[in-house]
């Protein structure tokens, strides 16, 4: 499985020259189930048309955890007050310490304007052992339909030199939870130069392992930067 992650990293590096942005961040996460852990992320954004862009990201974490995220957004209708769009997301995660791998697919309808972003849709999930067994059986779990949502507020438009905001969702870039398990986040950025942006995010998240609910929350904080080509 590590080889797959290395191959994906090589593929990403071969496309960096054609990307519009590249961003990276380090994240510290704490919860009572896993205790402390750290994640490191690198991601790129490709603007293939005025109304279509693709995100591709990789995560490497402590305790042998890895993730690959591929998503695109297609703008359907642009108006004076905002834009309606489609979002399609594919996420693959590896939990080597639990010998489990996870496949996710998500389809959202969304609306965004200067301050707000709303997304609502459906996702499915497939858990399997590592290595993947041909006969399936009790070692695999398929969840055919879950509800996904994301609500985000930003103080200014995205081209403002600095910004702060907050959000509530049941998924993030490298994790998708069930509809009843929420992420509460605050975020912001600051443009230190025309091409460089510093990003930060913090929040509370469900503390159960592998989407199991719990009566307490963990917390996380990340800090990184974005370079605009």
Protein backbone atom coordinates (compact mmCIF):
# COMPACT_ATOMS: atom_id res chain seq x y z
CA UNK A 1 0.00 0.00 0.00
CA UNK A 2 2.90 2.34 0.65
CA UNK A 3 4.00 1.74 -2.94
CA UNK A 4 0.64 3.03 -4.17
CA UNK A 5 1.14 6.22 -2.16
CA UNK A 6 4.67 6.67 -3.58
CA UNK A 7 3.35 6.18 -7.12
CA UNK A 8 0.61 8.77 -6.49
CA UNK A 9 3.23 11.20 -5.17
CA UNK A 10 5.29 10.70 -8.33
CA UNK A 11 2.22 11.30 -10.52
CA UNK A 12 1.46 14.50 -8.62
CA UNK A 13 5.02 15.77 -9.01
CA UNK A 14 4.86 15.20 -12.77
CA UNK A 15 1.80 17.51 -13.02
CA UNK A 16 2.99 20.28 -10.69
CA UNK A 17 4.29 22.33 -13.61
CA UNK A 18 0.72 22.54 -14.98
CA UNK A 19 -0.98 23.35 -11.67
CA UNK A 20 -2.42 26.74 -10.72
CA UNK A 21 -1.69 26.30 -6.99
CA UNK A 22 0.21 23.92 -4.77
CA UNK A 23 -0.38 23.82 -1.04
CA UNK A 24 1.00 21.93 1.90
CA UNK A 25 0.32 21.83 5.61
CA UNK A 26 1.16 19.95 8.79
CA UNK A 27 -1.62 18.92 11.18
CA UNK A 28 -1.64 17.90 14.82
CA UNK A 29 -4.61 15.84 16.02
CA UNK A 30 -5.53 14.63 19.49
CA UNK A 31 -8.37 12.41 20.68
CA UNK A 32 -8.89 9.96 23.54
CA UNK A 33 -8.99 6.96 21.20
CA UNK A 34 -5.75 7.39 19.25
CA UNK A 35 -4.09 10.02 21.48
CA UNK A 36 -1.67 12.26 19.58
CA UNK A 37 -1.04 11.91 15.86
CA UNK A 38 0.27 14.07 13.04
CA UNK A 39 -0.60 14.41 9.36
CA UNK A 40 1.33 15.94 6.47
CA UNK A 41 -0.48 17.00 3.28
CA UNK A 42 0.49 18.17 -0.19
CA UNK A 43 -2.18 19.06 -2.76
CA UNK A 44 -2.54 20.77 -6.13
CA UNK A 45 -5.31 22.56 -7.99
CA UNK A 46 -5.79 22.42 -11.76
CA UNK A 47 -8.06 24.97 -13.47
CA UNK A 48 -8.89 23.15 -16.69
CA UNK A 49 -11.58 25.64 -17.76
CA UNK A 50 -13.28 28.74 -16.39
CA UNK A 51 -16.01 26.58 -14.87
CA UNK A 52 -14.08 23.38 -14.10
CA UNK A 53 -11.19 22.58 -11.76
CA UNK A 54 -9.65 19.46 -10.21
CA UNK A 55 -8.05 18.96 -6.79
CA UNK A 56 -5.54 16.19 -6.15
CA UNK A 57 -4.10 15.66 -2.68
CA UNK A 58 -2.00 13.21 -0.67
CA UNK A 59 -1.86 12.70 3.10
CA UNK A 60 0.78 10.83 5.07
CA UNK A 61 0.22 10.40 8.81
CA UNK A 62 1.76 8.80 11.82
CA UNK A 63 0.72 5.23 12.71
CA UNK A 64 1.03 4.28 9.02
CA UNK A 65 -2.01 6.19 7.80
CA UNK A 66 -2.23 7.41 4.21
CA UNK A 67 -4.92 8.95 2.01
CA UNK A 68 -5.39 9.97 -1.63
CA UNK A 69 -8.07 12.52 -2.55
CA UNK A 70 -9.32 13.37 -6.04
CA UNK A 71 -12.16 15.86 -6.51
CA UNK A 72 -13.58 18.17 -9.15
CA UNK A 73 -16.07 21.04 -9.22
CA UNK A 74 -18.15 21.97 -12.26
CA UNK A 75 -19.94 25.34 -12.22
CA UNK A 76 -23.44 24.99 -13.64
CA UNK A 77 -25.01 28.43 -13.31
CA UNK A 78 -23.31 31.74 -12.56
CA UNK A 79 -25.48 34.60 -11.39
CA UNK A 80 -25.04 38.00 -9.84
CA UNK A 81 -25.64 36.61 -6.36
CA UNK A 82 -23.71 33.35 -6.58
CA UNK A 83 -22.86 30.11 -8.38
CA UNK A 84 -24.49 26.69 -8.42
CA UNK A 85 -22.05 23.82 -8.94
CA UNK A 86 -21.49 20.05 -8.84
CA UNK A 87 -18.80 18.41 -6.75
CA UNK A 88 -17.58 14.85 -7.23
CA UNK A 89 -15.04 13.42 -4.76
CA UNK A 90 -13.11 10.15 -4.51
CA UNK A 91 -11.15 9.27 -1.39
CA UNK A 92 -8.96 6.26 -0.62
CA UNK A 93 -7.57 5.77 2.90
CA UNK A 94 -5.20 3.23 4.46
CA UNK A 95 -5.16 2.31 8.17
CA UNK A 96 -2.15 0.01 8.24
CA UNK A 97 -2.19 -0.36 12.04
CA UNK A 98 -5.75 -1.75 11.81
CA UNK A 99 -5.05 -3.58 8.49
CA UNK A 100 -8.04 -1.83 6.92
CA UNK A 101 -8.47 0.16 3.71
CA UNK A 102 -11.38 2.42 2.84
CA UNK A 103 -12.84 3.54 -0.51
CA UNK A 104 -15.22 6.53 -0.68
CA UNK A 105 -17.18 8.24 -3.45
CA UNK A 106 -19.22 11.42 -3.01
CA UNK A 107 -21.51 13.52 -5.18
CA UNK A 108 -22.68 16.95 -3.98
CA UNK A 109 -24.78 19.81 -5.28
CA UNK A 110 -23.53 23.17 -4.06
CA UNK A 111 -24.01 26.92 -4.00
CA UNK A 112 -21.43 29.60 -3.21
CA UNK A 113 -21.32 33.37 -3.08
CA UNK A 114 -18.94 35.92 -1.56
CA UNK A 115 -19.55 34.78 2.01
CA UNK A 116 -21.29 31.38 2.00
CA UNK A 117 -20.68 27.88 0.64
CA UNK A 118 -23.41 25.22 0.88
CA UNK A 119 -22.97 21.59 -0.22
CA UNK A 120 -25.41 18.71 0.12
CA UNK A 121 -25.26 15.27 -1.41
CA UNK A 122 -24.72 11.52 -1.08
CA UNK A 123 -21.71 9.29 -0.56
CA UNK A 124 -20.96 5.59 -0.31
CA UNK A 125 -18.17 3.73 1.46
CA UNK A 126 -16.43 0.37 1.21
CA UNK A 127 -14.21 -1.09 3.95
CA UNK A 128 -11.92 -4.03 3.28
CA UNK A 129 -9.02 -5.86 4.85
CA UNK A 130 -5.42 -5.33 3.81
CA UNK A 131 -4.66 -7.15 1.59
CA UNK A 132 -7.93 -7.12 -0.35
CA UNK A 133 -9.37 -10.64 -0.37
CA UNK A 134 -10.99 -11.98 -3.52
CA UNK A 135 -13.80 -13.80 -1.73
CA UNK A 136 -14.90 -10.76 0.34
CA UNK A 137 -17.09 -12.16 3.11
CA UNK A 138 -17.17 -10.85 6.65
CA UNK A 139 -13.89 -9.00 6.11
CA UNK A 140 -15.65 -6.36 3.94
CA UNK A 141 -18.33 -3.79 4.73
CA UNK A 142 -20.24 -1.79 2.11
CA UNK A 143 -22.30 1.30 3.02
CA UNK A 144 -24.30 2.09 -0.14
CA UNK A 145 -25.65 5.50 0.86
CA UNK A 146 -24.80 8.20 3.40
CA UNK A 147 -25.72 11.87 3.38
CA UNK A 148 -22.95 14.48 3.04
CA UNK A 149 -23.16 18.18 3.83
CA UNK A 150 -20.87 21.18 4.26
CA UNK A 151 -21.79 24.74 5.36
CA UNK A 152 -19.08 27.39 5.43
CA UNK A 153 -19.00 31.12 6.07
CA UNK A 154 -16.15 33.52 5.14
CA UNK A 155 -15.89 37.13 6.20
CA UNK A 156 -14.54 38.30 2.83
CA UNK A 157 -14.28 37.08 -0.75
CA UNK A 158 -11.49 34.62 -1.57
CA UNK A 159 -9.41 37.25 -3.38
CA UNK A 160 -9.21 39.43 -0.24
CA UNK A 161 -5.63 39.63 1.17
CA UNK A 162 -6.78 38.01 4.43
CA UNK A 163 -9.84 36.16 5.61
CA UNK A 164 -11.41 34.27 8.53
CA UNK A 165 -14.38 31.93 8.57
CA UNK A 166 -16.12 28.99 10.22
CA UNK A 167 -17.94 25.88 9.16
CA UNK A 168 -19.84 22.74 10.06
CA UNK A 169 -19.65 19.55 8.00
CA UNK A 170 -19.52 15.78 8.18
CA UNK A 171 -16.45 15.55 5.94
CA UNK A 172 -13.10 17.15 5.30
CA UNK A 173 -10.57 16.82 2.52
CA UNK A 174 -9.23 13.46 3.72
CA UNK A 175 -12.06 12.02 5.82
CA UNK A 176 -15.79 11.39 5.41
CA UNK A 177 -17.97 10.71 8.45
CA UNK A 178 -21.56 9.62 8.80
CA UNK A 179 -24.29 12.25 8.72
CA UNK A 180 -24.63 12.31 12.52
CA UNK A 181 -20.92 13.01 13.19
CA UNK A 182 -19.96 16.66 12.69
CA UNK A 183 -16.81 18.72 12.27
CA UNK A 184 -16.86 22.23 13.73
CA UNK A 185 -14.07 24.37 12.26
CA UNK A 186 -12.60 27.85 12.15
CA UNK A 187 -10.14 28.80 9.44
CA UNK A 188 -8.28 31.71 7.94
CA UNK A 189 -5.48 32.82 5.64
CA UNK A 190 -3.14 35.74 5.10
CA UNK A 191 -1.38 36.72 1.84
CA UNK A 192 2.22 37.48 2.76
CA UNK A 193 3.09 38.08 -0.92
CA UNK A 194 1.24 38.08 -4.21
CA UNK A 195 2.11 34.42 -4.78
CA UNK A 196 2.28 33.14 -1.19
CA UNK A 197 -0.57 32.55 1.25
CA UNK A 198 -0.40 31.24 4.84
CA UNK A 199 -3.35 28.99 5.82
CA UNK A 200 -4.54 27.83 9.24
CA UNK A 201 -7.47 25.75 10.48
CA UNK A 202 -8.62 24.40 13.84
CA UNK A 203 -11.66 22.49 15.00
CA UNK A 204 -13.43 19.74 16.88
CA UNK A 205 -14.16 16.36 15.34
CA UNK A 206 -15.75 13.00 16.27
CA UNK A 207 -13.32 10.99 18.38
CA UNK A 208 -14.37 7.46 17.41
CA UNK A 209 -12.18 5.27 15.22
CA UNK A 210 -13.39 4.28 11.74
CA UNK A 211 -16.63 6.25 11.98
CA UNK A 212 -17.76 4.81 15.31
CA UNK A 213 -19.67 7.43 17.29
CA UNK A 214 -18.59 8.63 20.70
CA UNK A 215 -19.79 11.06 23.36
CA UNK A 216 -16.73 13.28 23.22
CA UNK A 217 -14.75 15.19 20.61
CA UNK A 218 -11.15 15.29 19.57
CA UNK A 219 -9.48 18.45 18.29
CA UNK A 220 -7.04 19.33 15.53
CA UNK A 221 -4.95 22.24 14.29
CA UNK A 222 -3.08 22.67 11.03
CA UNK A 223 -0.80 25.29 9.55
CA UNK A 224 0.55 25.52 6.02
CA UNK A 225 1.04 27.63 2.93
CA UNK A 226 -0.19 27.92 -0.66
CA UNK A 227 1.88 28.95 -3.66
CA UNK A 228 0.09 30.44 -6.68
CA UNK A 229 1.77 29.87 -10.04
